[in-house]
Amino acid sequence: MEPERVSLRVESNGMPQIHLETSPNLEESISIPDILADLVVCLSGFDVIDPAAVKAYHSLRTIWAMGVGAPEGFVQCQIAILTGRSDEVQCQIADAMMQVLTAAFRQSLEDHKTSITVEIREMRRETFRKVAAHPL
């Protein structure tokens, strides 16, 4: 059987990225695949986002340190989007993603085992590059 042929094209549409980082001491860690899926659905729901371009991934941080008095664990979510969205839209995205995360990590929050942070980062359109494979 001959392998499927593909063409490579440079694309100008954005590639929103969701990078979820957590400490391993959170009981919700077993649900990370579902949490990532919920974050993708949430981000994809915004008109300014191409759902087919969204990428989400997780990094488990096994070595970390927290300041005195801080919860023993953490959840950090970075959302990288192309420049051009208003501050209002970025705040709406951050608030929606925070709602997903606070629901997902509710038990660890209630047990004072974690804090959650969400950060929106802009990727410069002028320097962003993406190549994607498409079936011929």
N, C-alpha and C. Protein backbone atom coordinates (compact mmCIF):
# COMPACT_ATOMS: atom_id res chain seq x y z
N MET A 1 0.84 -1.17 0.00
CA MET A 1 0.00 0.00 0.00
C MET A 1 0.89 1.24 0.00
N GLU A 2 0.58 2.16 -0.87
CA GLU A 2 1.35 3.39 -0.99
C GLU A 2 0.92 4.38 0.09
N PRO A 3 1.90 5.05 0.75
CA PRO A 3 1.52 6.01 1.78
C PRO A 3 0.76 7.20 1.18
N GLU A 4 -0.10 7.79 2.00
CA GLU A 4 -0.86 8.95 1.55
C GLU A 4 0.09 10.10 1.25
N ARG A 5 -0.15 10.76 0.13
CA ARG A 5 0.68 11.89 -0.26
C ARG A 5 0.13 13.16 0.39
N VAL A 6 1.04 14.01 0.79
CA VAL A 6 0.65 15.26 1.41
C VAL A 6 1.43 16.41 0.78
N SER A 7 0.86 17.59 0.88
CA SER A 7 1.58 18.79 0.47
C SER A 7 1.80 19.64 1.72
N LEU A 8 2.91 20.36 1.72
CA LEU A 8 3.20 21.25 2.83
C LEU A 8 2.92 22.67 2.38
N ARG A 9 2.17 23.39 3.20
CA ARG A 9 1.84 24.78 2.87
C ARG A 9 2.16 25.67 4.06
N VAL A 10 2.70 26.82 3.75
CA VAL A 10 2.87 27.84 4.78
C VAL A 10 1.52 28.50 4.97
N GLU A 11 1.08 28.61 6.22
CA GLU A 11 -0.22 29.19 6.50
C GLU A 11 -0.05 30.44 7.34
N SER A 12 -0.98 31.36 7.16
CA SER A 12 -0.91 32.61 7.90
C SER A 12 -1.89 32.64 9.07
N ASN A 13 -2.79 31.63 9.16
CA ASN A 13 -3.72 31.67 10.28
C ASN A 13 -2.98 31.32 11.57
N GLY A 14 -3.52 31.79 12.67
CA GLY A 14 -2.86 31.62 13.95
C GLY A 14 -2.91 30.21 14.46
N MET A 15 -2.10 29.95 15.42
CA MET A 15 -2.08 28.65 16.07
C MET A 15 -2.17 28.90 17.57
N PRO A 16 -3.37 29.17 18.06
CA PRO A 16 -3.48 29.38 19.51
C PRO A 16 -2.95 28.15 20.24
N GLN A 17 -2.17 28.41 21.27
CA GLN A 17 -1.57 27.33 22.05
C GLN A 17 -1.98 27.47 23.50
N ILE A 18 -2.37 26.36 24.07
CA ILE A 18 -2.69 26.30 25.50
C ILE A 18 -1.63 25.42 26.14
N HIS A 19 -0.87 26.01 27.05
CA HIS A 19 0.15 25.25 27.76
C HIS A 19 -0.22 25.22 29.24
N LEU A 20 -0.64 24.06 29.69
CA LEU A 20 -1.03 23.86 31.08
C LEU A 20 0.13 23.22 31.82
N GLU A 21 0.55 23.84 32.91
CA GLU A 21 1.62 23.30 33.74
C GLU A 21 1.05 23.08 35.14
N THR A 22 1.38 21.93 35.73
CA THR A 22 0.90 21.64 37.08
C THR A 22 1.97 20.95 37.90
N SER A 23 1.81 21.05 39.21
CA SER A 23 2.63 20.25 40.12
C SER A 23 1.97 18.88 40.25
N PRO A 24 2.75 17.85 40.58
CA PRO A 24 2.20 16.48 40.59
C PRO A 24 1.39 16.12 41.83
N ASN A 25 1.27 17.01 42.78
CA ASN A 25 0.60 16.69 44.05
C ASN A 25 -0.90 16.98 44.04
N LEU A 26 -1.47 17.23 42.88
CA LEU A 26 -2.89 17.57 42.79
C LEU A 26 -3.69 16.32 42.42
N GLU A 27 -4.76 16.06 43.17
CA GLU A 27 -5.53 14.84 42.90
C GLU A 27 -6.21 14.87 41.52
N GLU A 28 -6.42 16.04 40.97
CA GLU A 28 -7.05 16.16 39.65
C GLU A 28 -6.10 15.79 38.51
N SER A 29 -4.85 15.50 38.82
CA SER A 29 -3.86 15.18 37.77
C SER A 29 -4.31 14.03 36.87
N ILE A 30 -5.09 13.11 37.40
CA ILE A 30 -5.56 11.99 36.57
C ILE A 30 -6.53 12.46 35.48
N SER A 31 -7.07 13.67 35.65
CA SER A 31 -8.06 14.19 34.70
C SER A 31 -7.47 15.17 33.69
N ILE A 32 -6.15 15.26 33.61
CA ILE A 32 -5.52 16.25 32.73
C ILE A 32 -6.01 16.13 31.28
N PRO A 33 -6.13 14.94 30.68
CA PRO A 33 -6.63 14.89 29.30
C PRO A 33 -8.02 15.53 29.14
N ASP A 34 -8.90 15.29 30.09
CA ASP A 34 -10.24 15.89 30.04
C ASP A 34 -10.18 17.40 30.26
N ILE A 35 -9.30 17.84 31.15
CA ILE A 35 -9.15 19.27 31.41
C ILE A 35 -8.63 19.97 30.15
N LEU A 36 -7.65 19.38 29.49
CA LEU A 36 -7.15 19.96 28.23
C LEU A 36 -8.25 20.04 27.19
N ALA A 37 -9.04 18.99 27.08
CA ALA A 37 -10.16 18.99 26.12
C ALA A 37 -11.15 20.11 26.43
N ASP A 38 -11.45 20.31 27.72
CA ASP A 38 -12.37 21.39 28.11
C ASP A 38 -11.78 22.76 27.79
N LEU A 39 -10.48 22.93 27.98
CA LEU A 39 -9.83 24.20 27.66
C LEU A 39 -9.88 24.46 26.15
N VAL A 40 -9.67 23.42 25.35
CA VAL A 40 -9.74 23.56 23.89
C VAL A 40 -11.15 23.99 23.47
N VAL A 41 -12.16 23.34 24.02
CA VAL A 41 -13.55 23.69 23.70
C VAL A 41 -13.82 25.14 24.08
N CYS A 42 -13.36 25.54 25.25
CA CYS A 42 -13.58 26.91 25.72
C CYS A 42 -12.94 27.92 24.78
N LEU A 43 -11.67 27.75 24.47
CA LEU A 43 -10.97 28.69 23.60
C LEU A 43 -11.55 28.69 22.20
N SER A 44 -11.94 27.53 21.73
CA SER A 44 -12.51 27.41 20.38
C SER A 44 -13.86 28.11 20.26
N GLY A 45 -14.50 28.39 21.38
CA GLY A 45 -15.80 29.04 21.36
C GLY A 45 -15.76 30.53 21.06
N PHE A 46 -14.59 31.11 21.00
CA PHE A 46 -14.46 32.53 20.70
C PHE A 46 -14.40 32.75 19.19
N ASP A 47 -15.18 33.72 18.71
CA ASP A 47 -15.25 34.01 17.27
C ASP A 47 -13.89 34.37 16.68
N VAL A 48 -12.99 34.90 17.47
CA VAL A 48 -11.69 35.34 16.97
C VAL A 48 -10.66 34.20 16.93
N ILE A 49 -11.10 33.00 17.24
CA ILE A 49 -10.21 31.83 17.28
C ILE A 49 -10.68 30.81 16.26
N ASP A 50 -9.74 30.28 15.47
CA ASP A 50 -10.02 29.21 14.52
C ASP A 50 -9.91 27.89 15.29
N PRO A 51 -11.01 27.18 15.54
CA PRO A 51 -10.96 25.95 16.34
C PRO A 51 -9.99 24.90 15.79
N ALA A 52 -9.85 24.83 14.47
CA ALA A 52 -8.95 23.83 13.88
C ALA A 52 -7.49 24.13 14.16
N ALA A 53 -7.18 25.34 14.59
CA ALA A 53 -5.79 25.73 14.82
C ALA A 53 -5.35 25.60 16.28
N VAL A 54 -6.28 25.31 17.18
CA VAL A 54 -5.96 25.27 18.61
C VAL A 54 -5.13 24.04 18.95
N LYS A 55 -4.07 24.25 19.72
CA LYS A 55 -3.21 23.17 20.21
C LYS A 55 -3.16 23.28 21.73
N ALA A 56 -3.23 22.15 22.42
CA ALA A 56 -3.14 22.16 23.89
C ALA A 56 -2.19 21.04 24.33
N TYR A 57 -1.41 21.35 25.35
CA TYR A 57 -0.48 20.36 25.88
C TYR A 57 -0.24 20.64 27.35
N HIS A 58 0.31 19.65 28.02
CA HIS A 58 0.50 19.70 29.47
C HIS A 58 1.95 19.38 29.81
N SER A 59 2.47 20.08 30.80
CA SER A 59 3.79 19.77 31.36
C SER A 59 3.64 19.56 32.86
N LEU A 60 4.08 18.41 33.31
CA LEU A 60 4.07 18.11 34.74
C LEU A 60 5.43 18.52 35.29
N ARG A 61 5.42 19.43 36.23
CA ARG A 61 6.66 19.94 36.82
C ARG A 61 6.96 19.16 38.10
N THR A 62 7.96 18.32 38.05
CA THR A 62 8.27 17.48 39.21
C THR A 62 9.23 18.15 40.18
N ILE A 63 9.87 19.21 39.76
CA ILE A 63 10.75 19.97 40.65
C ILE A 63 10.25 21.41 40.64
N TRP A 64 9.89 21.92 41.81
CA TRP A 64 9.39 23.28 41.91
C TRP A 64 9.57 23.76 43.35
N ALA A 65 9.47 25.05 43.55
CA ALA A 65 9.54 25.64 44.88
C ALA A 65 8.48 26.73 44.98
N MET A 66 7.90 26.86 46.14
CA MET A 66 6.87 27.87 46.38
C MET A 66 7.34 28.79 47.49
N GLY A 67 6.84 30.00 47.48
CA GLY A 67 7.18 30.96 48.53
C GLY A 67 6.54 30.60 49.85
N VAL A 68 7.07 31.15 50.93
CA VAL A 68 6.56 30.91 52.27
C VAL A 68 5.09 31.33 52.33
N GLY A 69 4.24 30.42 52.80
CA GLY A 69 2.83 30.70 52.95
C GLY A 69 1.99 30.40 51.72
N ALA A 70 2.63 30.07 50.60
CA ALA A 70 1.89 29.75 49.37
C ALA A 70 1.36 28.32 49.45
N PRO A 71 0.30 28.02 48.70
CA PRO A 71 -0.14 26.62 48.63
C PRO A 71 1.02 25.75 48.14
N GLU A 72 0.97 24.47 48.45
CA GLU A 72 2.09 23.58 48.12
C GLU A 72 2.16 23.22 46.64
N GLY A 73 1.12 23.48 45.87
CA GLY A 73 1.12 23.12 44.45
C GLY A 73 0.67 24.28 43.59
N PHE A 74 0.65 24.05 42.29
CA PHE A 74 0.27 25.13 41.38
C PHE A 74 -0.35 24.61 40.10
N VAL A 75 -1.12 25.48 39.48
CA VAL A 75 -1.67 25.30 38.14
C VAL A 75 -1.38 26.59 37.40
N GLN A 76 -0.66 26.50 36.31
CA GLN A 76 -0.33 27.68 35.49
C GLN A 76 -0.78 27.39 34.06
N CYS A 77 -1.55 28.28 33.49
CA CYS A 77 -2.05 28.10 32.12
C CYS A 77 -1.66 29.32 31.29
N GLN A 78 -0.89 29.07 30.24
CA GLN A 78 -0.51 30.13 29.31
C GLN A 78 -1.25 29.90 28.00
N ILE A 79 -1.88 30.95 27.51
CA ILE A 79 -2.58 30.89 26.23
C ILE A 79 -1.86 31.84 25.29
N ALA A 80 -1.29 31.30 24.24
CA ALA A 80 -0.57 32.11 23.26
C ALA A 80 -1.46 32.31 22.04
N ILE A 81 -1.69 33.58 21.69
CA ILE A 81 -2.53 33.92 20.54
C ILE A 81 -1.79 34.96 19.71
N LEU A 82 -2.14 35.05 18.43
CA LEU A 82 -1.53 36.06 17.58
C LEU A 82 -1.98 37.46 17.99
N THR A 83 -1.13 38.44 17.76
CA THR A 83 -1.47 39.83 18.06
C THR A 83 -2.70 40.24 17.26
N GLY A 84 -3.36 41.26 17.75
CA GLY A 84 -4.50 41.81 17.02
C GLY A 84 -5.81 41.72 17.76
N ARG A 85 -5.87 40.96 18.85
CA ARG A 85 -7.11 40.90 19.63
C ARG A 85 -7.10 42.03 20.64
N SER A 86 -8.24 42.61 20.88
CA SER A 86 -8.34 43.73 21.82
C SER A 86 -8.08 43.24 23.25
N ASP A 87 -7.76 44.19 24.13
CA ASP A 87 -7.59 43.85 25.54
C ASP A 87 -8.88 43.25 26.10
N GLU A 88 -10.02 43.78 25.66
CA GLU A 88 -11.31 43.27 26.12
C GLU A 88 -11.48 41.79 25.78
N VAL A 89 -11.16 41.42 24.54
CA VAL A 89 -11.27 40.02 24.11
C VAL A 89 -10.28 39.17 24.88
N GLN A 90 -9.06 39.65 25.08
CA GLN A 90 -8.07 38.88 25.83
C GLN A 90 -8.53 38.65 27.27
N CYS A 91 -9.14 39.66 27.87
CA CYS A 91 -9.67 39.51 29.24
C CYS A 91 -10.82 38.49 29.26
N GLN A 92 -11.68 38.52 28.25
CA GLN A 92 -12.77 37.55 28.16
C GLN A 92 -12.22 36.13 28.05
N ILE A 93 -11.19 35.95 27.23
CA ILE A 93 -10.56 34.63 27.09
C ILE A 93 -9.97 34.20 28.43
N ALA A 94 -9.22 35.08 29.08
CA ALA A 94 -8.60 34.75 30.37
C ALA A 94 -9.65 34.38 31.41
N ASP A 95 -10.73 35.15 31.47
CA ASP A 95 -11.79 34.86 32.45
C ASP A 95 -12.47 33.53 32.18
N ALA A 96 -12.73 33.23 30.91
CA ALA A 96 -13.38 31.96 30.56
C ALA A 96 -12.48 30.78 30.87
N MET A 97 -11.20 30.91 30.57
CA MET A 97 -10.26 29.82 30.85
C MET A 97 -10.11 29.62 32.36
N MET A 98 -10.12 30.73 33.12
CA MET A 98 -10.03 30.62 34.57
C MET A 98 -11.25 29.89 35.13
N GLN A 99 -12.42 30.13 34.57
CA GLN A 99 -13.63 29.42 35.02
C GLN A 99 -13.48 27.91 34.81
N VAL A 100 -12.96 27.52 33.64
CA VAL A 100 -12.75 26.10 33.37
C VAL A 100 -11.78 25.51 34.38
N LEU A 101 -10.69 26.21 34.64
CA LEU A 101 -9.66 25.69 35.55
C LEU A 101 -10.13 25.65 37.00
N THR A 102 -10.85 26.66 37.46
CA THR A 102 -11.32 26.63 38.85
C THR A 102 -12.33 25.51 39.06
N ALA A 103 -13.14 25.23 38.06
CA ALA A 103 -14.07 24.09 38.16
C ALA A 103 -13.29 22.77 38.16
N ALA A 104 -12.29 22.67 37.30
CA ALA A 104 -11.53 21.42 37.15
C ALA A 104 -10.69 21.12 38.40
N PHE A 105 -10.16 22.14 39.04
CA PHE A 105 -9.27 21.95 40.19
C PHE A 105 -9.94 22.39 41.50
N ARG A 106 -11.26 22.29 41.52
CA ARG A 106 -12.04 22.75 42.67
C ARG A 106 -11.58 22.10 43.98
N GLN A 107 -11.38 20.78 43.97
CA GLN A 107 -11.01 20.09 45.21
C GLN A 107 -9.66 20.57 45.74
N SER A 108 -8.69 20.70 44.87
CA SER A 108 -7.38 21.18 45.32
C SER A 108 -7.44 22.62 45.82
N LEU A 109 -8.30 23.44 45.21
CA LEU A 109 -8.49 24.80 45.71
C LEU A 109 -9.13 24.79 47.09
N GLU A 110 -10.18 23.97 47.25
CA GLU A 110 -10.87 23.88 48.54
C GLU A 110 -9.95 23.36 49.64
N ASP A 111 -9.04 22.46 49.27
CA ASP A 111 -8.09 21.89 50.23
C ASP A 111 -6.85 22.78 50.42
N HIS A 112 -6.83 23.93 49.77
CA HIS A 112 -5.70 24.88 49.84
C HIS A 112 -4.39 24.26 49.38
N LYS A 113 -4.48 23.40 48.38
CA LYS A 113 -3.28 22.74 47.85
C LYS A 113 -2.73 23.39 46.60
N THR A 114 -3.47 24.36 46.03
CA THR A 114 -3.00 24.96 44.79
C THR A 114 -3.45 26.40 44.65
N SER A 115 -2.77 27.08 43.77
CA SER A 115 -3.23 28.37 43.25
C SER A 115 -3.32 28.17 41.74
N ILE A 116 -4.10 29.01 41.09
CA ILE A 116 -4.26 28.92 39.64
C ILE A 116 -3.94 30.27 39.03
N THR A 117 -3.14 30.26 38.00
CA THR A 117 -2.87 31.49 37.25
C THR A 117 -3.12 31.24 35.77
N VAL A 118 -3.61 32.29 35.11
CA VAL A 118 -3.85 32.26 33.66
C VAL A 118 -3.13 33.46 33.07
N GLU A 119 -2.42 33.23 32.00
CA GLU A 119 -1.68 34.31 31.33
C GLU A 119 -1.95 34.24 29.83
N ILE A 120 -2.30 35.37 29.25
CA ILE A 120 -2.44 35.47 27.80
C ILE A 120 -1.15 36.05 27.26
N ARG A 121 -0.55 35.38 26.29
CA ARG A 121 0.67 35.87 25.64
C ARG A 121 0.36 36.09 24.17
N GLU A 122 0.90 37.15 23.63
CA GLU A 122 0.70 37.43 22.21
C GLU A 122 1.93 37.03 21.42
N MET A 123 1.68 36.30 20.33
CA MET A 123 2.74 35.95 19.39
C MET A 123 2.69 37.00 18.27
N ARG A 124 3.81 37.56 17.91
CA ARG A 124 3.85 38.59 16.88
C ARG A 124 3.55 38.00 15.51
N ARG A 125 2.56 38.55 14.82
CA ARG A 125 2.20 38.10 13.47
C ARG A 125 3.38 38.19 12.51
N GLU A 126 4.18 39.23 12.70
CA GLU A 126 5.30 39.47 11.79
C GLU A 126 6.36 38.37 11.84
N THR A 127 6.46 37.70 12.97
CA THR A 127 7.51 36.68 13.11
C THR A 127 6.96 35.26 13.26
N PHE A 128 5.65 35.12 13.37
CA PHE A 128 5.05 33.79 13.52
C PHE A 128 5.07 33.05 12.19
N ARG A 129 5.42 31.77 12.22
CA ARG A 129 5.43 30.91 11.03
C ARG A 129 4.75 29.59 11.38
N LYS A 130 4.04 29.05 10.41
CA LYS A 130 3.40 27.75 10.58
C LYS A 130 3.41 27.02 9.24
N VAL A 131 3.81 25.77 9.25
CA VAL A 131 3.74 24.92 8.07
C VAL A 131 2.85 23.74 8.46
N ALA A 132 1.89 23.42 7.60
CA ALA A 132 0.98 22.33 7.89
C ALA A 132 0.90 21.38 6.70
N ALA A 133 0.76 20.11 7.00
CA ALA A 133 0.60 19.09 5.96
C ALA A 133 -0.87 18.94 5.62
N HIS A 134 -1.17 18.86 4.33
CA HIS A 134 -2.53 18.69 3.86
C HIS A 134 -2.56 17.54 2.85
N PRO A 135 -3.58 16.68 2.89
CA PRO A 135 -3.68 15.59 1.91
C PRO A 135 -3.78 16.16 0.49
N LEU A 136 -3.18 15.46 -0.44
CA LEU A 136 -3.28 15.88 -1.86
C LEU A 136 -4.59 15.45 -2.45
